Amino acid sequence: MFQDKEMVNDYLAGLNASLTGYAHIIAQTNDSELRQTLIQLRNQDESRQRTLYNYALQKGYYKPAAPAAEEVVQQLRTQLMSEQQN
């Protein structure tokens, strides 16, 4: 029988896979109405993922990596913005 931690981690893994799938499908969808529907579904899954992530964090089921140094975050932000403008 599954324990709470296993169920949470399994559901999180499923949601993460779902979000990846939505990203690929949305990018390739030509029909604007279908695209909007997929975006709404993705947004709902993102909300579920964040809620479950917070629950897992609170229960100690998930230990995030140490935060990156501010200079690394700023460097990455600058790099991504530069690439986006090109």
PDB file of N, CA and C in Angstrom:
ATOM      1  N   MET A   1       0.840  -1.173   0.000  1.00  0.00           N
ATOM      2  CA  MET A   1       0.000   0.000   0.000  1.00  0.00           C
ATOM      3  C   MET A   1       0.890   1.243   0.000  1.00  0.00           C
ATOM      4  N   PHE A   2       0.498   2.226  -0.775  1.00  0.00           N
ATOM      5  CA  PHE A   2       1.266   3.466  -0.853  1.00  0.00           C
ATOM      6  C   PHE A   2       1.193   4.254   0.449  1.00  0.00           C
ATOM      7  N   GLN A   3       2.306   4.839   0.797  1.00  0.00           N
ATOM      8  CA  GLN A   3       2.348   5.780   1.908  1.00  0.00           C
ATOM      9  C   GLN A   3       2.097   7.174   1.343  1.00  0.00           C
ATOM     10  N   ASP A   4       1.761   8.117   2.226  1.00  0.00           N
ATOM     11  CA  ASP A   4       1.462   9.487   1.807  1.00  0.00           C
ATOM     12  C   ASP A   4       2.605  10.070   0.975  1.00  0.00           C
ATOM     13  N   LYS A   5       3.828   9.890   1.430  1.00  0.00           N
ATOM     14  CA  LYS A   5       4.988  10.448   0.722  1.00  0.00           C
ATOM     15  C   LYS A   5       5.090   9.890  -0.696  1.00  0.00           C
ATOM     16  N   GLU A   6       4.891   8.587  -0.851  1.00  0.00           N
ATOM     17  CA  GLU A   6       4.970   7.968  -2.176  1.00  0.00           C
ATOM     18  C   GLU A   6       3.875   8.474  -3.103  1.00  0.00           C
ATOM     19  N   MET A   7       2.667   8.642  -2.568  1.00  0.00           N
ATOM     20  CA  MET A   7       1.556   9.143  -3.384  1.00  0.00           C
ATOM     21  C   MET A   7       1.826  10.576  -3.838  1.00  0.00           C
ATOM     22  N   VAL A   8       2.308  11.400  -2.919  1.00  0.00           N
ATOM     23  CA  VAL A   8       2.603  12.792  -3.256  1.00  0.00           C
ATOM     24  C   VAL A   8       3.690  12.852  -4.322  1.00  0.00           C
ATOM     25  N   ASN A   9       4.769  12.109  -4.134  1.00  0.00           N
ATOM     26  CA  ASN A   9       5.864  12.121  -5.105  1.00  0.00           C
ATOM     27  C   ASN A   9       5.423  11.578  -6.465  1.00  0.00           C
ATOM     28  N   ASP A  10       4.582  10.559  -6.458  1.00  0.00           N
ATOM     29  CA  ASP A  10       4.088   9.991  -7.711  1.00  0.00           C
ATOM     30  C   ASP A  10       3.199  10.989  -8.448  1.00  0.00           C
ATOM     31  N   TYR A  11       2.334  11.647  -7.705  1.00  0.00           N
ATOM     32  CA  TYR A  11       1.445  12.644  -8.311  1.00  0.00           C
ATOM     33  C   TYR A  11       2.251  13.835  -8.828  1.00  0.00           C
ATOM     34  N   LEU A  12       3.245  14.273  -8.066  1.00  0.00           N
ATOM     35  CA  LEU A  12       4.109  15.363  -8.524  1.00  0.00           C
ATOM     36  C   LEU A  12       4.828  14.991  -9.818  1.00  0.00           C
ATOM     37  N   ALA A  13       5.339  13.778  -9.887  1.00  0.00           N
ATOM     38  CA  ALA A  13       6.030  13.326 -11.099  1.00  0.00           C
ATOM     39  C   ALA A  13       5.071  13.329 -12.285  1.00  0.00           C
ATOM     40  N   GLY A  14       3.845  12.891 -12.055  1.00  0.00           N
ATOM     41  CA  GLY A  14       2.846  12.894 -13.126  1.00  0.00           C
ATOM     42  C   GLY A  14       2.505  14.302 -13.591  1.00  0.00           C
ATOM     43  N   LEU A  15       2.343  15.215 -12.637  1.00  0.00           N
ATOM     44  CA  LEU A  15       2.051  16.603 -12.995  1.00  0.00           C
ATOM     45  C   LEU A  15       3.214  17.226 -13.763  1.00  0.00           C
ATOM     46  N   ASN A  16       4.421  16.954 -13.334  1.00  0.00           N
ATOM     47  CA  ASN A  16       5.589  17.499 -14.032  1.00  0.00           C
ATOM     48  C   ASN A  16       5.661  16.973 -15.466  1.00  0.00           C
ATOM     49  N   ALA A  17       5.379  15.698 -15.649  1.00  0.00           N
ATOM     50  CA  ALA A  17       5.369  15.121 -16.998  1.00  0.00           C
ATOM     51  C   ALA A  17       4.254  15.757 -17.840  1.00  0.00           C
ATOM     52  N   SER A  18       3.109  15.977 -17.219  1.00  0.00           N
ATOM     53  CA  SER A  18       1.986  16.608 -17.902  1.00  0.00           C
ATOM     54  C   SER A  18       2.352  18.013 -18.365  1.00  0.00           C
ATOM     55  N   LEU A  19       3.023  18.774 -17.509  1.00  0.00           N
ATOM     56  CA  LEU A  19       3.412  20.141 -17.864  1.00  0.00           C
ATOM     57  C   LEU A  19       4.387  20.151 -19.039  1.00  0.00           C
ATOM     58  N   THR A  20       5.293  19.198 -19.051  1.00  0.00           N
ATOM     59  CA  THR A  20       6.226  19.081 -20.173  1.00  0.00           C
ATOM     60  C   THR A  20       5.464  18.771 -21.465  1.00  0.00           C
ATOM     61  N   GLY A  21       4.505  17.868 -21.363  1.00  0.00           N
ATOM     62  CA  GLY A  21       3.696  17.516 -22.525  1.00  0.00           C
ATOM     63  C   GLY A  21       2.906  18.695 -23.060  1.00  0.00           C
ATOM     64  N   TYR A  22       2.301  19.454 -22.153  1.00  0.00           N
ATOM     65  CA  TYR A  22       1.557  20.637 -22.583  1.00  0.00           C
ATOM     66  C   TYR A  22       2.459  21.613 -23.325  1.00  0.00           C
ATOM     67  N   ALA A  23       3.663  21.822 -22.836  1.00  0.00           N
ATOM     68  CA  ALA A  23       4.582  22.765 -23.488  1.00  0.00           C
ATOM     69  C   ALA A  23       4.817  22.372 -24.942  1.00  0.00           C
ATOM     70  N   HIS A  24       5.026  21.082 -25.185  1.00  0.00           N
ATOM     71  CA  HIS A  24       5.272  20.610 -26.553  1.00  0.00           C
ATOM     72  C   HIS A  24       4.023  20.743 -27.428  1.00  0.00           C
ATOM     73  N   ILE A  25       2.886  20.382 -26.870  1.00  0.00           N
ATOM     74  CA  ILE A  25       1.650  20.406 -27.660  1.00  0.00           C
ATOM     75  C   ILE A  25       1.221  21.839 -27.965  1.00  0.00           C
ATOM     76  N   ILE A  26       1.286  22.708 -26.956  1.00  0.00           N
ATOM     77  CA  ILE A  26       0.877  24.103 -27.151  1.00  0.00           C
ATOM     78  C   ILE A  26       1.720  24.760 -28.245  1.00  0.00           C
ATOM     79  N   ALA A  27       3.006  24.494 -28.220  1.00  0.00           N
ATOM     80  CA  ALA A  27       3.908  25.104 -29.206  1.00  0.00           C
ATOM     81  C   ALA A  27       3.585  24.665 -30.632  1.00  0.00           C
ATOM     82  N   GLN A  28       2.955  23.516 -30.784  1.00  0.00           N
ATOM     83  CA  GLN A  28       2.696  22.987 -32.121  1.00  0.00           C
ATOM     84  C   GLN A  28       1.228  23.092 -32.543  1.00  0.00           C
ATOM     85  N   THR A  29       0.394  23.692 -31.689  1.00  0.00           N
ATOM     86  CA  THR A  29      -1.030  23.774 -31.984  1.00  0.00           C
ATOM     87  C   THR A  29      -1.330  24.997 -32.842  1.00  0.00           C
ATOM     88  N   ASN A  30      -2.028  24.769 -33.937  1.00  0.00           N
ATOM     89  CA  ASN A  30      -2.360  25.836 -34.868  1.00  0.00           C
ATOM     90  C   ASN A  30      -3.717  26.466 -34.545  1.00  0.00           C
ATOM     91  N   ASP A  31      -4.671  25.679 -34.096  1.00  0.00           N
ATOM     92  CA  ASP A  31      -6.016  26.161 -33.803  1.00  0.00           C
ATOM     93  C   ASP A  31      -6.004  27.006 -32.527  1.00  0.00           C
ATOM     94  N   SER A  32      -6.402  28.279 -32.630  1.00  0.00           N
ATOM     95  CA  SER A  32      -6.298  29.201 -31.494  1.00  0.00           C
ATOM     96  C   SER A  32      -7.213  28.815 -30.331  1.00  0.00           C
ATOM     97  N   GLU A  33      -8.397  28.293 -30.634  1.00  0.00           N
ATOM     98  CA  GLU A  33      -9.309  27.884 -29.561  1.00  0.00           C
ATOM     99  C   GLU A  33      -8.753  26.683 -28.802  1.00  0.00           C
ATOM    100  N   LEU A  34      -8.224  25.719 -29.538  1.00  0.00           N
ATOM    101  CA  LEU A  34      -7.603  24.558 -28.900  1.00  0.00           C
ATOM    102  C   LEU A  34      -6.389  24.985 -28.086  1.00  0.00           C
ATOM    103  N   ARG A  35      -5.621  25.891 -28.636  1.00  0.00           N
ATOM    104  CA  ARG A  35      -4.439  26.405 -27.938  1.00  0.00           C
ATOM    105  C   ARG A  35      -4.826  27.034 -26.606  1.00  0.00           C
ATOM    106  N   GLN A  36      -5.871  27.864 -26.604  1.00  0.00           N
ATOM    107  CA  GLN A  36      -6.324  28.501 -25.364  1.00  0.00           C
ATOM    108  C   GLN A  36      -6.804  27.467 -24.348  1.00  0.00           C
ATOM    109  N   THR A  37      -7.502  26.453 -24.818  1.00  0.00           N
ATOM    110  CA  THR A  37      -7.962  25.384 -23.928  1.00  0.00           C
ATOM    111  C   THR A  37      -6.780  24.662 -23.303  1.00  0.00           C
ATOM    112  N   LEU A  38      -5.783  24.358 -24.108  1.00  0.00           N
ATOM    113  CA  LEU A  38      -4.589  23.684 -23.598  1.00  0.00           C
ATOM    114  C   LEU A  38      -3.830  24.561 -22.603  1.00  0.00           C
ATOM    115  N   ILE A  39      -3.782  25.848 -22.864  1.00  0.00           N
ATOM    116  CA  ILE A  39      -3.121  26.777 -21.941  1.00  0.00           C
ATOM    117  C   ILE A  39      -3.861  26.803 -20.609  1.00  0.00           C
ATOM    118  N   GLN A  40      -5.187  26.811 -20.651  1.00  0.00           N
ATOM    119  CA  GLN A  40      -5.969  26.788 -19.414  1.00  0.00           C
ATOM    120  C   GLN A  40      -5.721  25.494 -18.633  1.00  0.00           C
ATOM    121  N   LEU A  41      -5.695  24.377 -19.333  1.00  0.00           N
ATOM    122  CA  LEU A  41      -5.429  23.098 -18.678  1.00  0.00           C
ATOM    123  C   LEU A  41      -4.026  23.075 -18.067  1.00  0.00           C
ATOM    124  N   ARG A  42      -3.057  23.600 -18.814  1.00  0.00           N
ATOM    125  CA  ARG A  42      -1.695  23.680 -18.300  1.00  0.00           C
ATOM    126  C   ARG A  42      -1.632  24.544 -17.046  1.00  0.00           C
ATOM    127  N   ASN A  43      -2.304  25.682 -17.082  1.00  0.00           N
ATOM    128  CA  ASN A  43      -2.314  26.575 -15.927  1.00  0.00           C
ATOM    129  C   ASN A  43      -2.923  25.899 -14.703  1.00  0.00           C
ATOM    130  N   GLN A  44      -3.967  25.126 -14.906  1.00  0.00           N
ATOM    131  CA  GLN A  44      -4.581  24.393 -13.797  1.00  0.00           C
ATOM    132  C   GLN A  44      -3.600  23.365 -13.219  1.00  0.00           C
ATOM    133  N   ASP A  45      -2.892  22.661 -14.102  1.00  0.00           N
ATOM    134  CA  ASP A  45      -1.901  21.690 -13.634  1.00  0.00           C
ATOM    135  C   ASP A  45      -0.742  22.388 -12.917  1.00  0.00           C
ATOM    136  N   GLU A  46      -0.349  23.560 -13.398  1.00  0.00           N
ATOM    137  CA  GLU A  46       0.716  24.310 -12.720  1.00  0.00           C
ATOM    138  C   GLU A  46       0.277  24.697 -11.307  1.00  0.00           C
ATOM    139  N   SER A  47      -0.972  25.096 -11.177  1.00  0.00           N
ATOM    140  CA  SER A  47      -1.505  25.448  -9.861  1.00  0.00           C
ATOM    141  C   SER A  47      -1.526  24.225  -8.941  1.00  0.00           C
ATOM    142  N   ARG A  48      -1.978  23.088  -9.470  1.00  0.00           N
ATOM    143  CA  ARG A  48      -1.978  21.840  -8.688  1.00  0.00           C
ATOM    144  C   ARG A  48      -0.553  21.447  -8.292  1.00  0.00           C
ATOM    145  N   GLN A  49       0.359  21.587  -9.235  1.00  0.00           N
ATOM    146  CA  GLN A  49       1.749  21.220  -8.968  1.00  0.00           C
ATOM    147  C   GLN A  49       2.317  22.076  -7.844  1.00  0.00           C
ATOM    148  N   ARG A  50       2.065  23.378  -7.869  1.00  0.00           N
ATOM    149  CA  ARG A  50       2.590  24.285  -6.850  1.00  0.00           C
ATOM    150  C   ARG A  50       1.975  23.976  -5.486  1.00  0.00           C
ATOM    151  N   THR A  51       0.677  23.700  -5.458  1.00  0.00           N
ATOM    152  CA  THR A  51       0.010  23.358  -4.195  1.00  0.00           C
ATOM    153  C   THR A  51       0.599  22.075  -3.618  1.00  0.00           C
ATOM    154  N   LEU A  52       0.766  21.078  -4.459  1.00  0.00           N
ATOM    155  CA  LEU A  52       1.310  19.801  -3.996  1.00  0.00           C
ATOM    156  C   LEU A  52       2.782  19.936  -3.614  1.00  0.00           C
ATOM    157  N   TYR A  53       3.525  20.734  -4.358  1.00  0.00           N
ATOM    158  CA  TYR A  53       4.923  21.003  -4.032  1.00  0.00           C
ATOM    159  C   TYR A  53       5.024  21.622  -2.641  1.00  0.00           C
ATOM    160  N   ASN A  54       4.181  22.623  -2.366  1.00  0.00           N
ATOM    161  CA  ASN A  54       4.194  23.272  -1.056  1.00  0.00           C
ATOM    162  C   ASN A  54       3.840  22.290   0.049  1.00  0.00           C
ATOM    163  N   TYR A  55       2.883  21.411  -0.216  1.00  0.00           N
ATOM    164  CA  TYR A  55       2.505  20.380   0.752  1.00  0.00           C
ATOM    165  C   TYR A  55       3.687  19.449   1.028  1.00  0.00           C
ATOM    166  N   ALA A  56       4.336  18.995  -0.043  1.00  0.00           N
ATOM    167  CA  ALA A  56       5.485  18.092   0.102  1.00  0.00           C
ATOM    168  C   ALA A  56       6.617  18.769   0.857  1.00  0.00           C
ATOM    169  N   LEU A  57       6.842  20.022   0.588  1.00  0.00           N
ATOM    170  CA  LEU A  57       7.877  20.786   1.276  1.00  0.00           C
ATOM    171  C   LEU A  57       7.558  20.900   2.768  1.00  0.00           C
ATOM    172  N   GLN A  58       6.316  21.230   3.069  1.00  0.00           N
ATOM    173  CA  GLN A  58       5.870  21.379   4.455  1.00  0.00           C
ATOM    174  C   GLN A  58       6.001  20.066   5.229  1.00  0.00           C
ATOM    175  N   LYS A  59       5.678  18.951   4.589  1.00  0.00           N
ATOM    176  CA  LYS A  59       5.732  17.637   5.242  1.00  0.00           C
ATOM    177  C   LYS A  59       7.149  17.055   5.298  1.00  0.00           C
ATOM    178  N   GLY A  60       8.088  17.709   4.602  1.00  0.00           N
ATOM    179  CA  GLY A  60       9.448  17.195   4.573  1.00  0.00           C
ATOM    180  C   GLY A  60       9.662  16.098   3.555  1.00  0.00           C
ATOM    181  N   TYR A  61       8.734  15.949   2.618  1.00  0.00           N
ATOM    182  CA  TYR A  61       8.848  14.928   1.576  1.00  0.00           C
ATOM    183  C   TYR A  61       9.786  15.354   0.468  1.00  0.00           C
ATOM    184  N   TYR A  62      10.049  16.641   0.397  1.00  0.00           N
ATOM    185  CA  TYR A  62      10.876  17.190  -0.666  1.00  0.00           C
ATOM    186  C   TYR A  62      11.867  18.168  -0.070  1.00  0.00           C
ATOM    187  N   LYS A  63      13.100  18.036  -0.450  1.00  0.00           N
ATOM    188  CA  LYS A  63      14.156  18.942  -0.003  1.00  0.00           C
ATOM    189  C   LYS A  63      14.721  19.632  -1.237  1.00  0.00           C
ATOM    190  N   PRO A  64      14.410  20.911  -1.415  1.00  0.00           N
ATOM    191  CA  PRO A  64      14.924  21.609  -2.601  1.00  0.00           C
ATOM    192  C   PRO A  64      16.423  21.834  -2.500  1.00  0.00           C
ATOM    193  N   ALA A  65      17.031  22.055  -3.628  1.00  0.00           N
ATOM    194  CA  ALA A  65      18.459  22.375  -3.664  1.00  0.00           C
ATOM    195  C   ALA A  65      18.679  23.722  -2.974  1.00  0.00           C
ATOM    196  N   ALA A  66      19.879  23.933  -2.534  1.00  0.00           N
ATOM    197  CA  ALA A  66      20.214  25.211  -1.911  1.00  0.00           C
ATOM    198  C   ALA A  66      20.011  26.331  -2.928  1.00  0.00           C
ATOM    199  N   PRO A  67      19.569  27.495  -2.465  1.00  0.00           N
ATOM    200  CA  PRO A  67      19.357  28.601  -3.406  1.00  0.00           C
ATOM    201  C   PRO A  67      20.662  29.030  -4.074  1.00  0.00           C
ATOM    202  N   ALA A  68      20.534  29.439  -5.320  1.00  0.00           N
ATOM    203  CA  ALA A  68      21.695  29.927  -6.067  1.00  0.00           C
ATOM    204  C   ALA A  68      22.097  31.295  -5.531  1.00  0.00           C
ATOM    205  N   ALA A  69      23.365  31.598  -5.657  1.00  0.00           N
ATOM    206  CA  ALA A  69      23.860  32.921  -5.263  1.00  0.00           C
ATOM    207  C   ALA A  69      23.209  33.973  -6.151  1.00  0.00           C
ATOM    208  N   GLU A  70      22.966  35.150  -5.600  1.00  0.00           N
ATOM    209  CA  GLU A  70      22.292  36.220  -6.333  1.00  0.00           C
ATOM    210  C   GLU A  70      23.029  36.580  -7.621  1.00  0.00           C
ATOM    211  N   GLU A  71      24.350  36.539  -7.593  1.00  0.00           N
ATOM    212  CA  GLU A  71      25.108  36.873  -8.803  1.00  0.00           C
ATOM    213  C   GLU A  71      24.882  35.850  -9.909  1.00  0.00           C
ATOM    214  N   VAL A  72      24.712  34.603  -9.550  1.00  0.00           N
ATOM    215  CA  VAL A  72      24.435  33.553 -10.542  1.00  0.00           C
ATOM    216  C   VAL A  72      23.042  33.756 -11.121  1.00  0.00           C
ATOM    217  N   VAL A  73      22.075  34.075 -10.270  1.00  0.00           N
ATOM    218  CA  VAL A  73      20.708  34.323 -10.731  1.00  0.00           C
ATOM    219  C   VAL A  73      20.689  35.508 -11.693  1.00  0.00           C
ATOM    220  N   GLN A  74      21.372  36.577 -11.338  1.00  0.00           N
ATOM    221  CA  GLN A  74      21.406  37.768 -12.180  1.00  0.00           C
ATOM    222  C   GLN A  74      22.089  37.476 -13.519  1.00  0.00           C
ATOM    223  N   GLN A  75      23.170  36.706 -13.479  1.00  0.00           N
ATOM    224  CA  GLN A  75      23.882  36.352 -14.708  1.00  0.00           C
ATOM    225  C   GLN A  75      22.985  35.540 -15.633  1.00  0.00           C
ATOM    226  N   LEU A  76      22.267  34.578 -15.074  1.00  0.00           N
ATOM    227  CA  LEU A  76      21.362  33.758 -15.871  1.00  0.00           C
ATOM    228  C   LEU A  76      20.220  34.602 -16.431  1.00  0.00           C
ATOM    229  N   ARG A  77      19.665  35.485 -15.604  1.00  0.00           N
ATOM    230  CA  ARG A  77      18.591  36.368 -16.049  1.00  0.00           C
ATOM    231  C   ARG A  77      19.056  37.216 -17.228  1.00  0.00           C
ATOM    232  N   THR A  78      20.241  37.792 -17.113  1.00  0.00           N
ATOM    233  CA  THR A  78      20.797  38.628 -18.186  1.00  0.00           C
ATOM    234  C   THR A  78      20.993  37.813 -19.461  1.00  0.00           C
ATOM    235  N   GLN A  79      21.529  36.619 -19.309  1.00  0.00           N
ATOM    236  CA  GLN A  79      21.775  35.747 -20.455  1.00  0.00           C
ATOM    237  C   GLN A  79      20.466  35.379 -21.151  1.00  0.00           C
ATOM    238  N   LEU A  80      19.449  35.002 -20.385  1.00  0.00           N
ATOM    239  CA  LEU A  80      18.175  34.614 -20.967  1.00  0.00           C
ATOM    240  C   LEU A  80      17.493  35.789 -21.670  1.00  0.00           C
ATOM    241  N   MET A  81      17.568  36.967 -21.067  1.00  0.00           N
ATOM    242  CA  MET A  81      16.971  38.144 -21.697  1.00  0.00           C
ATOM    243  C   MET A  81      17.696  38.502 -22.986  1.00  0.00           C
ATOM    244  N   SER A  82      18.998  38.338 -23.000  1.00  0.00           N
ATOM    245  CA  SER A  82      19.792  38.608 -24.188  1.00  0.00           C
ATOM    246  C   SER A  82      19.415  37.637 -25.313  1.00  0.00           C
ATOM    247  N   GLU A  83      19.283  36.366 -24.970  1.00  0.00           N
ATOM    248  CA  GLU A  83      18.915  35.355 -25.969  1.00  0.00           C
ATOM    249  C   GLU A  83      17.497  35.589 -26.503  1.00  0.00           C
ATOM    250  N   GLN A  84      16.615  36.034 -25.620  1.00  0.00           N
ATOM    251  CA  GLN A  84      15.235  36.294 -26.025  1.00  0.00           C
ATOM    252  C   GLN A  84      15.162  37.440 -27.020  1.00  0.00           C
ATOM    253  N   GLN A  85      16.038  38.435 -26.881  1.00  0.00           N
ATOM    254  CA  GLN A  85      16.016  39.588 -27.770  1.00  0.00           C
ATOM    255  C   GLN A  85      16.611  39.269 -29.136  1.00  0.00           C
ATOM    256  N   ASN A  86      17.404  38.222 -29.228  1.00  0.00           N
ATOM    257  CA  ASN A  86      18.030  37.840 -30.512  1.00  0.00           C
ATOM    258  C   ASN A  86      17.124  37.047 -31.368  1.00  0.00           C
TER     259      ASN A  86
END
